[in-house]
Amino acid sequence: MKKPSSRIREEIARLQDQLKQAETREAERIGRIALKAGLGEFEIDEAELQTAFEDIAKRFRGGKPAATGKKDAGDGRAASGAAATQKPSADASGTGEA
């Protein structure tokens, strides 16, 4: 027997609520870890911080992180080096790579 559309909508709403709760828990966990690592003390551009987090995610997924030393705004200066600043603490985390 097929479900009526109202029942499917209820399930979707319930699943969206579960997703929101799971994302909130994950964000709070990552936020606590970032604060413990000292990231709350720095003025870091959000896009640059996201790139650094993506590099960390790639590292733990077994991929290679993005290249460092990217040019910033085409003015010949290297990017601010947030990834280089964060790398020692990431390496010192004590977690082994698979």
PDB file of N, CA and C in Angstrom:
ATOM      1  N   MET A   1       0.837  -1.168   0.000  1.00  0.00           N
ATOM      2  CA  MET A   1       0.000   0.000   0.000  1.00  0.00           C
ATOM      3  C   MET A   1       0.897   1.252   0.000  1.00  0.00           C
ATOM      4  N   LYS A   2       0.556   2.212  -0.810  1.00  0.00           N
ATOM      5  CA  LYS A   2       1.332   3.444  -0.910  1.00  0.00           C
ATOM      6  C   LYS A   2       0.947   4.401   0.208  1.00  0.00           C
ATOM      7  N   LYS A   3       1.920   5.185   0.627  1.00  0.00           N
ATOM      8  CA  LYS A   3       1.682   6.180   1.671  1.00  0.00           C
ATOM      9  C   LYS A   3       1.029   7.411   1.059  1.00  0.00           C
ATOM     10  N   PRO A   4       0.107   8.022   1.780  1.00  0.00           N
ATOM     11  CA  PRO A   4      -0.460   9.284   1.292  1.00  0.00           C
ATOM     12  C   PRO A   4       0.583  10.394   1.383  1.00  0.00           C
ATOM     13  N   SER A   5       0.414  11.409   0.537  1.00  0.00           N
ATOM     14  CA  SER A   5       1.392  12.495   0.487  1.00  0.00           C
ATOM     15  C   SER A   5       1.522  13.217   1.825  1.00  0.00           C
ATOM     16  N   SER A   6       0.445  13.307   2.581  1.00  0.00           N
ATOM     17  CA  SER A   6       0.520  13.976   3.890  1.00  0.00           C
ATOM     18  C   SER A   6       1.443  13.222   4.841  1.00  0.00           C
ATOM     19  N   ARG A   7       1.421  11.911   4.763  1.00  0.00           N
ATOM     20  CA  ARG A   7       2.292  11.084   5.611  1.00  0.00           C
ATOM     21  C   ARG A   7       3.762  11.263   5.195  1.00  0.00           C
ATOM     22  N   ILE A   8       4.010  11.328   3.917  1.00  0.00           N
ATOM     23  CA  ILE A   8       5.375  11.533   3.406  1.00  0.00           C
ATOM     24  C   ILE A   8       5.888  12.908   3.850  1.00  0.00           C
ATOM     25  N   ARG A   9       5.017  13.944   3.774  1.00  0.00           N
ATOM     26  CA  ARG A   9       5.405  15.284   4.221  1.00  0.00           C
ATOM     27  C   ARG A   9       5.770  15.279   5.705  1.00  0.00           C
ATOM     28  N   GLU A  10       5.004  14.543   6.511  1.00  0.00           N
ATOM     29  CA  GLU A  10       5.291  14.430   7.947  1.00  0.00           C
ATOM     30  C   GLU A  10       6.659  13.789   8.167  1.00  0.00           C
ATOM     31  N   GLU A  11       6.939  12.732   7.413  1.00  0.00           N
ATOM     32  CA  GLU A  11       8.235  12.065   7.531  1.00  0.00           C
ATOM     33  C   GLU A  11       9.368  12.996   7.125  1.00  0.00           C
ATOM     34  N   ILE A  12       9.166  13.745   6.050  1.00  0.00           N
ATOM     35  CA  ILE A  12      10.185  14.691   5.589  1.00  0.00           C
ATOM     36  C   ILE A  12      10.442  15.742   6.669  1.00  0.00           C
ATOM     37  N   ALA A  13       9.390  16.282   7.253  1.00  0.00           N
ATOM     38  CA  ALA A  13       9.532  17.284   8.309  1.00  0.00           C
ATOM     39  C   ALA A  13      10.283  16.706   9.509  1.00  0.00           C
ATOM     40  N   ARG A  14       9.958  15.474   9.873  1.00  0.00           N
ATOM     41  CA  ARG A  14      10.634  14.808  10.999  1.00  0.00           C
ATOM     42  C   ARG A  14      12.116  14.600  10.683  1.00  0.00           C
ATOM     43  N   LEU A  15      12.419  14.155   9.470  1.00  0.00           N
ATOM     44  CA  LEU A  15      13.807  13.933   9.072  1.00  0.00           C
ATOM     45  C   LEU A  15      14.585  15.247   8.983  1.00  0.00           C
ATOM     46  N   GLN A  16      13.923  16.313   8.513  1.00  0.00           N
ATOM     47  CA  GLN A  16      14.595  17.613   8.459  1.00  0.00           C
ATOM     48  C   GLN A  16      14.931  18.095   9.866  1.00  0.00           C
ATOM     49  N   ASP A  17      14.047  17.853  10.817  1.00  0.00           N
ATOM     50  CA  ASP A  17      14.310  18.219  12.204  1.00  0.00           C
ATOM     51  C   ASP A  17      15.475  17.402  12.760  1.00  0.00           C
ATOM     52  N   GLN A  18      15.506  16.111  12.475  1.00  0.00           N
ATOM     53  CA  GLN A  18      16.615  15.260  12.912  1.00  0.00           C
ATOM     54  C   GLN A  18      17.928  15.728  12.305  1.00  0.00           C
ATOM     55  N   LEU A  19      17.902  16.111  11.021  1.00  0.00           N
ATOM     56  CA  LEU A  19      19.102  16.601  10.352  1.00  0.00           C
ATOM     57  C   LEU A  19      19.595  17.887  11.009  1.00  0.00           C
ATOM     58  N   LYS A  20      18.684  18.799  11.291  1.00  0.00           N
ATOM     59  CA  LYS A  20      19.048  20.059  11.932  1.00  0.00           C
ATOM     60  C   LYS A  20      19.683  19.810  13.301  1.00  0.00           C
ATOM     61  N   GLN A  21      19.110  18.902  14.074  1.00  0.00           N
ATOM     62  CA  GLN A  21      19.661  18.574  15.388  1.00  0.00           C
ATOM     63  C   GLN A  21      21.051  17.945  15.263  1.00  0.00           C
ATOM     64  N   ALA A  22      21.230  17.050  14.309  1.00  0.00           N
ATOM     65  CA  ALA A  22      22.527  16.403  14.106  1.00  0.00           C
ATOM     66  C   ALA A  22      23.576  17.423  13.674  1.00  0.00           C
ATOM     67  N   GLU A  23      23.204  18.328  12.764  1.00  0.00           N
ATOM     68  CA  GLU A  23      24.137  19.367  12.320  1.00  0.00           C
ATOM     69  C   GLU A  23      24.516  20.295  13.471  1.00  0.00           C
ATOM     70  N   THR A  24      23.562  20.612  14.335  1.00  0.00           N
ATOM     71  CA  THR A  24      23.840  21.459  15.491  1.00  0.00           C
ATOM     72  C   THR A  24      24.827  20.776  16.431  1.00  0.00           C
ATOM     73  N   ARG A  25      24.613  19.488  16.706  1.00  0.00           N
ATOM     74  CA  ARG A  25      25.547  18.740  17.569  1.00  0.00           C
ATOM     75  C   ARG A  25      26.945  18.717  16.968  1.00  0.00           C
ATOM     76  N   GLU A  26      27.030  18.453  15.649  1.00  0.00           N
ATOM     77  CA  GLU A  26      28.328  18.397  14.978  1.00  0.00           C
ATOM     78  C   GLU A  26      29.014  19.759  15.005  1.00  0.00           C
ATOM     79  N   ALA A  27      28.252  20.825  14.754  1.00  0.00           N
ATOM     80  CA  ALA A  27      28.823  22.172  14.754  1.00  0.00           C
ATOM     81  C   ALA A  27      29.333  22.543  16.140  1.00  0.00           C
ATOM     82  N   GLU A  28      28.586  22.198  17.171  1.00  0.00           N
ATOM     83  CA  GLU A  28      29.021  22.487  18.539  1.00  0.00           C
ATOM     84  C   GLU A  28      30.290  21.718  18.876  1.00  0.00           C
ATOM     85  N   ARG A  29      30.366  20.478  18.456  1.00  0.00           N
ATOM     86  CA  ARG A  29      31.559  19.657  18.723  1.00  0.00           C
ATOM     87  C   ARG A  29      32.782  20.242  18.031  1.00  0.00           C
ATOM     88  N   ILE A  30      32.649  20.553  16.744  1.00  0.00           N
ATOM     89  CA  ILE A  30      33.764  21.123  15.986  1.00  0.00           C
ATOM     90  C   ILE A  30      34.147  22.483  16.568  1.00  0.00           C
ATOM     91  N   GLY A  31      33.147  23.272  16.942  1.00  0.00           N
ATOM     92  CA  GLY A  31      33.409  24.579  17.534  1.00  0.00           C
ATOM     93  C   GLY A  31      34.192  24.476  18.834  1.00  0.00           C
ATOM     94  N   ARG A  32      33.805  23.533  19.697  1.00  0.00           N
ATOM     95  CA  ARG A  32      34.541  23.336  20.959  1.00  0.00           C
ATOM     96  C   ARG A  32      35.992  22.944  20.688  1.00  0.00           C
ATOM     97  N   ILE A  33      36.187  22.042  19.734  1.00  0.00           N
ATOM     98  CA  ILE A  33      37.545  21.597  19.400  1.00  0.00           C
ATOM     99  C   ILE A  33      38.360  22.759  18.847  1.00  0.00           C
ATOM    100  N   ALA A  34      37.755  23.560  17.968  1.00  0.00           N
ATOM    101  CA  ALA A  34      38.454  24.717  17.386  1.00  0.00           C
ATOM    102  C   ALA A  34      38.844  25.712  18.472  1.00  0.00           C
ATOM    103  N   LEU A  35      37.960  25.944  19.427  1.00  0.00           N
ATOM    104  CA  LEU A  35      38.279  26.864  20.519  1.00  0.00           C
ATOM    105  C   LEU A  35      39.398  26.320  21.395  1.00  0.00           C
ATOM    106  N   LYS A  36      39.366  25.018  21.671  1.00  0.00           N
ATOM    107  CA  LYS A  36      40.437  24.409  22.466  1.00  0.00           C
ATOM    108  C   LYS A  36      41.777  24.518  21.748  1.00  0.00           C
ATOM    109  N   ALA A  37      41.747  24.462  20.417  1.00  0.00           N
ATOM    110  CA  ALA A  37      42.978  24.566  19.622  1.00  0.00           C
ATOM    111  C   ALA A  37      43.455  26.016  19.517  1.00  0.00           C
ATOM    112  N   GLY A  38      42.651  26.959  20.001  1.00  0.00           N
ATOM    113  CA  GLY A  38      43.058  28.356  19.987  1.00  0.00           C
ATOM    114  C   GLY A  38      42.595  29.153  18.784  1.00  0.00           C
ATOM    115  N   LEU A  39      41.724  28.608  17.958  1.00  0.00           N
ATOM    116  CA  LEU A  39      41.291  29.327  16.763  1.00  0.00           C
ATOM    117  C   LEU A  39      40.412  30.532  17.077  1.00  0.00           C
ATOM    118  N   GLY A  40      39.828  30.570  18.257  1.00  0.00           N
ATOM    119  CA  GLY A  40      38.998  31.696  18.631  1.00  0.00           C
ATOM    120  C   GLY A  40      39.798  32.966  18.895  1.00  0.00           C
ATOM    121  N   GLU A  41      41.106  32.836  19.038  1.00  0.00           N
ATOM    122  CA  GLU A  41      41.968  33.973  19.355  1.00  0.00           C
ATOM    123  C   GLU A  41      42.423  34.735  18.119  1.00  0.00           C
ATOM    124  N   PHE A  42      42.140  34.232  16.932  1.00  0.00           N
ATOM    125  CA  PHE A  42      42.656  34.825  15.704  1.00  0.00           C
ATOM    126  C   PHE A  42      41.543  35.439  14.877  1.00  0.00           C
ATOM    127  N   GLU A  43      41.906  36.491  14.157  1.00  0.00           N
ATOM    128  CA  GLU A  43      41.012  37.064  13.152  1.00  0.00           C
ATOM    129  C   GLU A  43      41.314  36.317  11.855  1.00  0.00           C
ATOM    130  N   ILE A  44      40.474  35.358  11.502  1.00  0.00           N
ATOM    131  CA  ILE A  44      40.695  34.526  10.322  1.00  0.00           C
ATOM    132  C   ILE A  44      39.525  34.725   9.367  1.00  0.00           C
ATOM    133  N   ASP A  45      39.845  34.989   8.107  1.00  0.00           N
ATOM    134  CA  ASP A  45      38.811  35.110   7.084  1.00  0.00           C
ATOM    135  C   ASP A  45      38.045  33.792   7.009  1.00  0.00           C
ATOM    136  N   GLU A  46      36.726  33.869   6.945  1.00  0.00           N
ATOM    137  CA  GLU A  46      35.897  32.666   6.959  1.00  0.00           C
ATOM    138  C   GLU A  46      36.208  31.722   5.797  1.00  0.00           C
ATOM    139  N   ALA A  47      36.445  32.278   4.611  1.00  0.00           N
ATOM    140  CA  ALA A  47      36.762  31.440   3.449  1.00  0.00           C
ATOM    141  C   ALA A  47      38.095  30.724   3.650  1.00  0.00           C
ATOM    142  N   GLU A  48      39.063  31.431   4.219  1.00  0.00           N
ATOM    143  CA  GLU A  48      40.374  30.824   4.473  1.00  0.00           C
ATOM    144  C   GLU A  48      40.268  29.723   5.527  1.00  0.00           C
ATOM    145  N   LEU A  49      39.455  29.968   6.551  1.00  0.00           N
ATOM    146  CA  LEU A  49      39.255  28.961   7.586  1.00  0.00           C
ATOM    147  C   LEU A  49      38.550  27.734   7.011  1.00  0.00           C
ATOM    148  N   GLN A  50      37.572  27.958   6.148  1.00  0.00           N
ATOM    149  CA  GLN A  50      36.881  26.831   5.520  1.00  0.00           C
ATOM    150  C   GLN A  50      37.850  26.008   4.681  1.00  0.00           C
ATOM    151  N   THR A  51      38.734  26.681   3.946  1.00  0.00           N
ATOM    152  CA  THR A  51      39.731  25.961   3.146  1.00  0.00           C
ATOM    153  C   THR A  51      40.628  25.109   4.041  1.00  0.00           C
ATOM    154  N   ALA A  52      41.035  25.668   5.175  1.00  0.00           N
ATOM    155  CA  ALA A  52      41.877  24.915   6.109  1.00  0.00           C
ATOM    156  C   ALA A  52      41.122  23.701   6.647  1.00  0.00           C
ATOM    157  N   PHE A  53      39.836  23.876   6.972  1.00  0.00           N
ATOM    158  CA  PHE A  53      39.042  22.744   7.448  1.00  0.00           C
ATOM    159  C   PHE A  53      38.871  21.695   6.354  1.00  0.00           C
ATOM    160  N   GLU A  54      38.703  22.129   5.105  1.00  0.00           N
ATOM    161  CA  GLU A  54      38.596  21.176   3.995  1.00  0.00           C
ATOM    162  C   GLU A  54      39.889  20.385   3.838  1.00  0.00           C
ATOM    163  N   ASP A  55      41.035  21.051   4.026  1.00  0.00           N
ATOM    164  CA  ASP A  55      42.321  20.355   3.972  1.00  0.00           C
ATOM    165  C   ASP A  55      42.407  19.302   5.069  1.00  0.00           C
ATOM    166  N   ILE A  56      41.936  19.658   6.255  1.00  0.00           N
ATOM    167  CA  ILE A  56      41.943  18.699   7.368  1.00  0.00           C
ATOM    168  C   ILE A  56      41.033  17.520   7.044  1.00  0.00           C
ATOM    169  N   ALA A  57      39.859  17.799   6.494  1.00  0.00           N
ATOM    170  CA  ALA A  57      38.935  16.719   6.129  1.00  0.00           C
ATOM    171  C   ALA A  57      39.572  15.791   5.100  1.00  0.00           C
ATOM    172  N   LYS A  58      40.256  16.364   4.095  1.00  0.00           N
ATOM    173  CA  LYS A  58      40.928  15.542   3.082  1.00  0.00           C
ATOM    174  C   LYS A  58      42.007  14.681   3.722  1.00  0.00           C
ATOM    175  N   ARG A  59      42.731  15.257   4.673  1.00  0.00           N
ATOM    176  CA  ARG A  59      43.801  14.517   5.351  1.00  0.00           C
ATOM    177  C   ARG A  59      43.245  13.267   6.031  1.00  0.00           C
ATOM    178  N   PHE A  60      42.115  13.417   6.715  1.00  0.00           N
ATOM    179  CA  PHE A  60      41.556  12.290   7.438  1.00  0.00           C
ATOM    180  C   PHE A  60      40.779  11.342   6.545  1.00  0.00           C
ATOM    181  N   ARG A  61      40.449  11.788   5.330  1.00  0.00           N
ATOM    182  CA  ARG A  61      39.825  10.890   4.357  1.00  0.00           C
ATOM    183  C   ARG A  61      40.866  10.179   3.516  1.00  0.00           C
ATOM    184  N   GLY A  62      42.127  10.513   3.707  1.00  0.00           N
ATOM    185  CA  GLY A  62      43.192   9.866   2.970  1.00  0.00           C
ATOM    186  C   GLY A  62      43.608  10.592   1.714  1.00  0.00           C
ATOM    187  N   GLY A  63      43.030  11.760   1.455  1.00  0.00           N
ATOM    188  CA  GLY A  63      43.406  12.546   0.284  1.00  0.00           C
ATOM    189  C   GLY A  63      44.545  13.479   0.618  1.00  0.00           C
ATOM    190  N   LYS A  64      44.974  14.226  -0.374  1.00  0.00           N
ATOM    191  CA  LYS A  64      46.039  15.197  -0.170  1.00  0.00           C
ATOM    192  C   LYS A  64      45.418  16.571   0.045  1.00  0.00           C
ATOM    193  N   PRO A  65      45.940  17.352   1.012  1.00  0.00           N
ATOM    194  CA  PRO A  65      45.414  18.698   1.221  1.00  0.00           C
ATOM    195  C   PRO A  65      45.754  19.610   0.053  1.00  0.00           C
ATOM    196  N   ALA A  66      45.009  20.699  -0.057  1.00  0.00           N
ATOM    197  CA  ALA A  66      45.254  21.678  -1.117  1.00  0.00           C
ATOM    198  C   ALA A  66      46.642  22.270  -0.950  1.00  0.00           C
ATOM    199  N   ALA A  67      47.228  22.696  -2.055  1.00  0.00           N
ATOM    200  CA  ALA A  67      48.559  23.283  -2.015  1.00  0.00           C
ATOM    201  C   ALA A  67      48.538  24.567  -1.208  1.00  0.00           C
ATOM    202  N   THR A  68      49.635  24.806  -0.459  1.00  0.00           N
ATOM    203  CA  THR A  68      49.747  26.044   0.300  1.00  0.00           C
ATOM    204  C   THR A  68      50.528  27.053  -0.517  1.00  0.00           C
ATOM    205  N   GLY A  69      50.564  28.283  -0.053  1.00  0.00           N
ATOM    206  CA  GLY A  69      51.303  29.322  -0.762  1.00  0.00           C
ATOM    207  C   GLY A  69      50.541  29.884  -1.937  1.00  0.00           C
ATOM    208  N   LYS A  70      49.215  29.814  -1.877  1.00  0.00           N
ATOM    209  CA  LYS A  70      48.399  30.366  -2.953  1.00  0.00           C
ATOM    210  C   LYS A  70      48.570  31.881  -2.982  1.00  0.00           C
ATOM    211  N   LYS A  71      48.409  32.448  -4.144  1.00  0.00           N
ATOM    212  CA  LYS A  71      48.485  33.897  -4.281  1.00  0.00           C
ATOM    213  C   LYS A  71      47.185  34.495  -3.765  1.00  0.00           C
ATOM    214  N   ASP A  72      47.290  35.653  -3.111  1.00  0.00           N
ATOM    215  CA  ASP A  72      46.125  36.308  -2.547  1.00  0.00           C
ATOM    216  C   ASP A  72      45.799  37.557  -3.341  1.00  0.00           C
ATOM    217  N   ALA A  73      44.643  37.622  -3.910  1.00  0.00           N
ATOM    218  CA  ALA A  73      44.119  38.781  -4.629  1.00  0.00           C
ATOM    219  C   ALA A  73      45.007  39.223  -5.784  1.00  0.00           C
ATOM    220  N   GLY A  74      45.878  38.354  -6.255  1.00  0.00           N
ATOM    221  CA  GLY A  74      46.700  38.665  -7.414  1.00  0.00           C
ATOM    222  C   GLY A  74      47.728  39.753  -7.199  1.00  0.00           C
ATOM    223  N   ASP A  75      48.035  40.095  -5.942  1.00  0.00           N
ATOM    224  CA  ASP A  75      49.002  41.163  -5.697  1.00  0.00           C
ATOM    225  C   ASP A  75      50.413  40.644  -5.466  1.00  0.00           C
ATOM    226  N   GLY A  76      50.633  39.348  -5.647  1.00  0.00           N
ATOM    227  CA  GLY A  76      51.967  38.784  -5.534  1.00  0.00           C
ATOM    228  C   GLY A  76      52.325  38.333  -4.126  1.00  0.00           C
ATOM    229  N   ARG A  77      51.492  38.662  -3.150  1.00  0.00           N
ATOM    230  CA  ARG A  77      51.778  38.214  -1.789  1.00  0.00           C
ATOM    231  C   ARG A  77      51.181  36.827  -1.592  1.00  0.00           C
ATOM    232  N   ALA A  78      51.847  36.030  -0.775  1.00  0.00           N
ATOM    233  CA  ALA A  78      51.311  34.712  -0.462  1.00  0.00           C
ATOM    234  C   ALA A  78      50.125  34.878   0.468  1.00  0.00           C
ATOM    235  N   ALA A  79      49.257  33.882   0.488  1.00  0.00           N
ATOM    236  CA  ALA A  79      48.133  33.901   1.419  1.00  0.00           C
ATOM    237  C   ALA A  79      48.667  33.989   2.830  1.00  0.00           C
ATOM    238  N   SER A  80      47.831  34.382   3.775  1.00  0.00           N
ATOM    239  CA  SER A  80      48.288  34.694   5.128  1.00  0.00           C
ATOM    240  C   SER A  80      48.921  33.528   5.864  1.00  0.00           C
ATOM    241  N   GLY A  81      48.752  32.317   5.366  1.00  0.00           N
ATOM    242  CA  GLY A  81      49.444  31.173   5.963  1.00  0.00           C
ATOM    243  C   GLY A  81      48.706  30.551   7.120  1.00  0.00           C
ATOM    244  N   ALA A  82      47.393  30.699   7.188  1.00  0.00           N
ATOM    245  CA  ALA A  82      46.645  30.102   8.281  1.00  0.00           C
ATOM    246  C   ALA A  82      46.835  28.590   8.293  1.00  0.00           C
ATOM    247  N   ALA A  83      46.886  27.978   7.127  1.00  0.00           N
ATOM    248  CA  ALA A  83      47.074  26.531   7.076  1.00  0.00           C
ATOM    249  C   ALA A  83      48.440  26.161   7.639  1.00  0.00           C
ATOM    250  N   ALA A  84      49.461  26.956   7.331  1.00  0.00           N
ATOM    251  CA  ALA A  84      50.789  26.681   7.860  1.00  0.00           C
ATOM    252  C   ALA A  84      50.813  26.886   9.362  1.00  0.00           C
ATOM    253  N   THR A  85      50.067  27.863   9.849  1.00  0.00           N
ATOM    254  CA  THR A  85      50.000  28.111  11.283  1.00  0.00           C
ATOM    255  C   THR A  85      49.283  26.975  11.985  1.00  0.00           C
ATOM    256  N   GLN A  86      48.263  26.422  11.355  1.00  0.00           N
ATOM    257  CA  GLN A  86      47.466  25.378  11.974  1.00  0.00           C
ATOM    258  C   GLN A  86      48.100  24.002  11.844  1.00  0.00           C
ATOM    259  N   LYS A  87      48.939  23.796  10.862  1.00  0.00           N
ATOM    260  CA  LYS A  87      49.483  22.478  10.595  1.00  0.00           C
ATOM    261  C   LYS A  87      50.208  21.869  11.788  1.00  0.00           C
ATOM    262  N   PRO A  88      51.091  22.611  12.506  1.00  0.00           N
ATOM    263  CA  PRO A  88      51.764  21.982  13.637  1.00  0.00           C
ATOM    264  C   PRO A  88      50.791  21.446  14.679  1.00  0.00           C
ATOM    265  N   SER A  89      49.731  22.176  14.991  1.00  0.00           N
ATOM    266  CA  SER A  89      48.784  21.677  15.978  1.00  0.00           C
ATOM    267  C   SER A  89      48.026  20.471  15.441  1.00  0.00           C
ATOM    268  N   ALA A  90      47.768  20.452  14.127  1.00  0.00           N
ATOM    269  CA  ALA A  90      47.091  19.295  13.549  1.00  0.00           C
ATOM    270  C   ALA A  90      47.995  18.075  13.597  1.00  0.00           C
ATOM    271  N   ASP A  91      49.303  18.272  13.315  1.00  0.00           N
ATOM    272  CA  ASP A  91      50.233  17.149  13.381  1.00  0.00           C
ATOM    273  C   ASP A  91      50.456  16.685  14.812  1.00  0.00           C
ATOM    274  N   ALA A  92      50.359  17.607  15.769  1.00  0.00           N
ATOM    275  CA  ALA A  92      50.602  17.292  17.147  1.00  0.00           C
ATOM    276  C   ALA A  92      49.359  16.713  17.830  1.00  0.00           C
ATOM    277  N   SER A  93      48.316  16.453  17.065  1.00  0.00           N
ATOM    278  CA  SER A  93      47.055  15.995  17.649  1.00  0.00           C
ATOM    279  C   SER A  93      47.178  14.606  18.249  1.00  0.00           C
ATOM    280  N   GLY A  94      48.176  13.865  17.835  1.00  0.00           N
ATOM    281  CA  GLY A  94      48.361  12.534  18.384  1.00  0.00           C
ATOM    282  C   GLY A  94      47.514  11.472  17.718  1.00  0.00           C
ATOM    283  N   THR A  95      46.730  11.858  16.717  1.00  0.00           N
ATOM    284  CA  THR A  95      45.914  10.865  16.030  1.00  0.00           C
ATOM    285  C   THR A  95      46.723  10.273  14.888  1.00  0.00           C
ATOM    286  N   GLY A  96      46.657   9.001  14.730  1.00  0.00           N
ATOM    287  CA  GLY A  96      47.379   8.347  13.650  1.00  0.00           C
ATOM    288  C   GLY A  96      46.595   8.376  12.372  1.00  0.00           C
ATOM    289  N   GLU A  97      47.280   8.442  11.277  1.00  0.00           N
ATOM    290  CA  GLU A  97      46.595   8.403   9.983  1.00  0.00           C
ATOM    291  C   GLU A  97      46.453   6.944   9.564  1.00  0.00           C
ATOM    292  N   ALA A  98      45.364   6.645   8.906  1.00  0.00           N
ATOM    293  CA  ALA A  98      45.097   5.268   8.473  1.00  0.00           C
ATOM    294  C   ALA A  98      45.866   4.932   7.234  1.00  0.00           C
TER     295      ALA A  98
END
